[in-house]
N, C-alpha and C. Protein backbone atom coordinates (compact mmCIF):
# COMPACT_ATOMS: atom_id res chain seq x y z
N MET A 1 -0.25 -12.03 -7.68
CA MET A 1 0.16 -10.67 -7.98
C MET A 1 1.67 -10.52 -8.03
N GLU A 2 2.38 -11.59 -7.84
CA GLU A 2 3.83 -11.50 -7.87
C GLU A 2 4.33 -11.59 -9.30
N THR A 3 5.23 -10.67 -9.63
CA THR A 3 5.90 -10.70 -10.92
C THR A 3 7.36 -10.42 -10.69
N ASN A 4 8.19 -10.80 -11.62
CA ASN A 4 9.62 -10.54 -11.48
C ASN A 4 9.92 -9.06 -11.47
N SER A 5 9.09 -8.24 -12.12
CA SER A 5 9.35 -6.81 -12.20
C SER A 5 9.18 -6.10 -10.86
N THR A 6 8.43 -6.69 -9.93
CA THR A 6 8.20 -6.03 -8.65
C THR A 6 9.02 -6.64 -7.53
N SER A 7 9.92 -7.58 -7.83
CA SER A 7 10.65 -8.28 -6.79
C SER A 7 11.57 -7.36 -5.98
N ALA A 8 12.00 -6.24 -6.55
CA ALA A 8 12.88 -5.32 -5.83
C ALA A 8 12.10 -4.41 -4.89
N HIS A 9 10.78 -4.38 -5.02
CA HIS A 9 9.97 -3.49 -4.19
C HIS A 9 9.74 -4.09 -2.81
N LEU A 10 9.92 -3.29 -1.79
CA LEU A 10 9.62 -3.73 -0.43
C LEU A 10 8.13 -3.62 -0.13
N VAL A 11 7.47 -2.68 -0.81
CA VAL A 11 6.04 -2.44 -0.60
C VAL A 11 5.36 -2.40 -1.96
N GLU A 12 4.23 -3.10 -2.07
CA GLU A 12 3.45 -3.09 -3.30
C GLU A 12 2.00 -2.79 -2.95
N VAL A 13 1.43 -1.75 -3.56
CA VAL A 13 0.05 -1.36 -3.32
C VAL A 13 -0.79 -1.85 -4.49
N ALA A 14 -1.82 -2.66 -4.18
CA ALA A 14 -2.68 -3.24 -5.22
C ALA A 14 -3.54 -2.17 -5.88
N GLU A 15 -4.22 -2.59 -6.94
CA GLU A 15 -5.05 -1.67 -7.72
C GLU A 15 -6.14 -1.02 -6.87
N PHE A 16 -6.54 0.16 -7.34
CA PHE A 16 -7.58 0.96 -6.71
C PHE A 16 -8.93 0.29 -6.93
N ARG A 17 -9.70 0.15 -5.87
CA ARG A 17 -11.05 -0.42 -5.96
C ARG A 17 -12.00 0.50 -5.22
N THR A 18 -13.20 0.67 -5.75
CA THR A 18 -14.15 1.57 -5.12
C THR A 18 -15.10 0.87 -4.16
N ASP A 19 -15.00 -0.46 -4.03
CA ASP A 19 -15.92 -1.17 -3.15
C ASP A 19 -15.37 -1.37 -1.75
N SER A 20 -14.30 -0.68 -1.42
CA SER A 20 -13.70 -0.79 -0.10
C SER A 20 -13.01 0.51 0.24
N ARG A 21 -12.90 0.84 1.50
CA ARG A 21 -12.17 2.04 1.90
C ARG A 21 -10.67 1.79 1.95
N TYR A 22 -10.28 0.53 1.80
CA TYR A 22 -8.89 0.14 1.93
C TYR A 22 -8.26 -0.16 0.58
N ARG A 23 -6.93 -0.17 0.59
CA ARG A 23 -6.17 -0.73 -0.52
C ARG A 23 -5.34 -1.86 0.05
N LEU A 24 -5.22 -2.94 -0.69
CA LEU A 24 -4.38 -4.04 -0.24
C LEU A 24 -2.93 -3.65 -0.45
N VAL A 25 -2.13 -3.88 0.58
CA VAL A 25 -0.72 -3.52 0.54
C VAL A 25 0.10 -4.75 0.90
N HIS A 26 1.08 -5.06 0.07
CA HIS A 26 1.97 -6.19 0.33
C HIS A 26 3.29 -5.66 0.85
N PHE A 27 3.70 -6.19 1.99
CA PHE A 27 5.00 -5.84 2.59
C PHE A 27 5.91 -7.04 2.45
N ASP A 28 7.07 -6.84 1.84
CA ASP A 28 8.02 -7.93 1.62
C ASP A 28 8.30 -8.65 2.94
N GLY A 29 8.07 -9.95 2.93
CA GLY A 29 8.31 -10.76 4.11
C GLY A 29 7.16 -10.78 5.11
N HIS A 30 6.08 -10.04 4.82
CA HIS A 30 4.97 -9.96 5.77
C HIS A 30 3.60 -10.25 5.17
N GLY A 31 3.47 -10.30 3.86
CA GLY A 31 2.19 -10.60 3.23
C GLY A 31 1.35 -9.36 2.95
N TRP A 32 0.10 -9.62 2.59
CA TRP A 32 -0.85 -8.56 2.21
C TRP A 32 -1.67 -8.10 3.41
N GLU A 33 -1.97 -6.78 3.45
CA GLU A 33 -2.79 -6.20 4.51
C GLU A 33 -3.71 -5.15 3.91
N PRO A 34 -4.97 -5.08 4.35
CA PRO A 34 -5.84 -3.98 3.92
C PRO A 34 -5.54 -2.75 4.78
N LEU A 35 -5.21 -1.64 4.14
CA LEU A 35 -4.87 -0.44 4.89
C LEU A 35 -5.60 0.78 4.34
N GLY A 36 -5.99 1.66 5.24
CA GLY A 36 -6.55 2.94 4.86
C GLY A 36 -5.43 3.97 4.76
N PRO A 37 -5.74 5.16 4.27
CA PRO A 37 -4.70 6.16 4.06
C PRO A 37 -3.99 6.57 5.35
N GLU A 38 -4.71 6.59 6.46
CA GLU A 38 -4.11 7.00 7.73
C GLU A 38 -3.21 5.90 8.32
N GLU A 39 -3.35 4.68 7.83
CA GLU A 39 -2.57 3.55 8.34
C GLU A 39 -1.33 3.25 7.51
N PHE A 40 -1.32 3.70 6.27
CA PHE A 40 -0.28 3.30 5.33
C PHE A 40 1.13 3.71 5.78
N GLU A 41 1.38 4.99 5.93
CA GLU A 41 2.74 5.44 6.29
C GLU A 41 3.20 4.91 7.64
N PRO A 42 2.36 4.93 8.70
CA PRO A 42 2.83 4.36 9.96
C PRO A 42 3.21 2.89 9.85
N ARG A 43 2.46 2.11 9.04
CA ARG A 43 2.79 0.70 8.89
C ARG A 43 4.09 0.52 8.10
N VAL A 44 4.29 1.33 7.06
CA VAL A 44 5.55 1.29 6.32
C VAL A 44 6.71 1.53 7.27
N HIS A 45 6.60 2.57 8.10
CA HIS A 45 7.68 2.91 9.03
C HIS A 45 7.86 1.87 10.13
N GLN A 46 6.78 1.20 10.51
CA GLN A 46 6.88 0.15 11.52
C GLN A 46 7.70 -1.02 10.99
N LEU A 47 7.43 -1.42 9.77
CA LEU A 47 8.13 -2.58 9.20
C LEU A 47 9.49 -2.24 8.60
N PHE A 48 9.59 -1.05 8.02
CA PHE A 48 10.83 -0.61 7.37
C PHE A 48 11.14 0.82 7.82
N PRO A 49 11.72 0.98 9.01
CA PRO A 49 11.91 2.31 9.60
C PRO A 49 12.67 3.31 8.72
N GLU A 50 13.58 2.85 7.91
CA GLU A 50 14.39 3.77 7.10
C GLU A 50 13.79 4.04 5.72
N LEU A 51 12.69 3.39 5.37
CA LEU A 51 12.12 3.50 4.03
C LEU A 51 11.28 4.77 3.87
N ASP A 52 11.54 5.50 2.81
CA ASP A 52 10.72 6.66 2.44
C ASP A 52 9.52 6.12 1.65
N PRO A 53 8.28 6.29 2.14
CA PRO A 53 7.12 5.75 1.45
C PRO A 53 6.94 6.29 0.03
N ARG A 54 7.61 7.38 -0.30
CA ARG A 54 7.49 7.96 -1.64
C ARG A 54 8.63 7.54 -2.57
N ASP A 55 9.45 6.60 -2.13
CA ASP A 55 10.55 6.08 -2.94
C ASP A 55 9.98 5.08 -3.96
N ALA A 56 9.84 5.53 -5.20
CA ALA A 56 9.25 4.69 -6.25
C ALA A 56 10.09 3.46 -6.55
N GLY A 57 11.34 3.46 -6.18
CA GLY A 57 12.18 2.29 -6.39
C GLY A 57 11.90 1.18 -5.40
N LYS A 58 11.30 1.51 -4.27
CA LYS A 58 11.01 0.52 -3.23
C LYS A 58 9.52 0.35 -2.96
N VAL A 59 8.71 1.33 -3.36
CA VAL A 59 7.26 1.27 -3.14
C VAL A 59 6.58 1.35 -4.51
N HIS A 60 5.87 0.28 -4.86
CA HIS A 60 5.21 0.21 -6.17
C HIS A 60 3.70 0.32 -6.00
N TRP A 61 3.09 1.23 -6.76
CA TRP A 61 1.64 1.39 -6.79
C TRP A 61 1.14 0.81 -8.11
N ALA A 62 0.18 -0.11 -8.07
CA ALA A 62 -0.36 -0.72 -9.29
C ALA A 62 -1.00 0.33 -10.18
N ASP A 63 -1.62 1.33 -9.56
CA ASP A 63 -2.26 2.43 -10.28
C ASP A 63 -2.60 3.53 -9.28
N ARG A 64 -2.88 4.69 -9.74
CA ARG A 64 -3.36 5.82 -8.94
C ARG A 64 -2.58 6.03 -7.64
N PRO A 65 -1.28 6.31 -7.74
CA PRO A 65 -0.46 6.49 -6.53
C PRO A 65 -1.05 7.52 -5.57
N TRP A 66 -1.02 7.15 -4.32
CA TRP A 66 -1.47 7.98 -3.21
C TRP A 66 -2.95 8.32 -3.24
N GLU A 67 -3.72 7.62 -4.04
CA GLU A 67 -5.18 7.80 -4.04
C GLU A 67 -5.81 6.65 -3.25
N TRP A 68 -6.84 6.99 -2.51
CA TRP A 68 -7.56 6.00 -1.70
C TRP A 68 -9.04 6.14 -1.99
N PRO A 69 -9.80 5.07 -1.93
CA PRO A 69 -11.24 5.18 -2.14
C PRO A 69 -11.84 6.14 -1.12
N SER A 70 -12.85 6.89 -1.57
CA SER A 70 -13.49 7.84 -0.66
C SER A 70 -14.26 7.08 0.41
N TRP A 71 -14.21 7.57 1.60
CA TRP A 71 -14.90 6.97 2.73
C TRP A 71 -15.11 8.06 3.75
N HIS A 72 -16.25 8.01 4.41
CA HIS A 72 -16.56 9.01 5.44
C HIS A 72 -16.89 8.28 6.74
N PRO A 73 -16.42 8.81 7.87
CA PRO A 73 -16.71 8.14 9.15
C PRO A 73 -18.21 7.86 9.29
N GLY A 74 -18.52 6.68 9.76
CA GLY A 74 -19.91 6.26 9.93
C GLY A 74 -20.40 5.36 8.82
N GLU A 75 -19.66 5.33 7.69
CA GLU A 75 -20.03 4.43 6.60
C GLU A 75 -19.58 3.02 6.95
N ALA A 76 -20.30 2.05 6.45
CA ALA A 76 -19.93 0.64 6.70
C ALA A 76 -18.72 0.27 5.91
């Protein structure tokens, strides 16, 4: 998933998939992690305290920015 066009991004969010409640998120220097919507911003701030998660110059969404697959508590 690495391309030269995304090398300036500190955070890269993979494409939207409906078969998981998570989206894969790549953090520069830390690798890929599956994260849910409630985990995304806290993890961004943990790794990059000064980064605004809505900064399109540093956070790249492959598609559907800020959308997460639907999931309800109790679902597998």
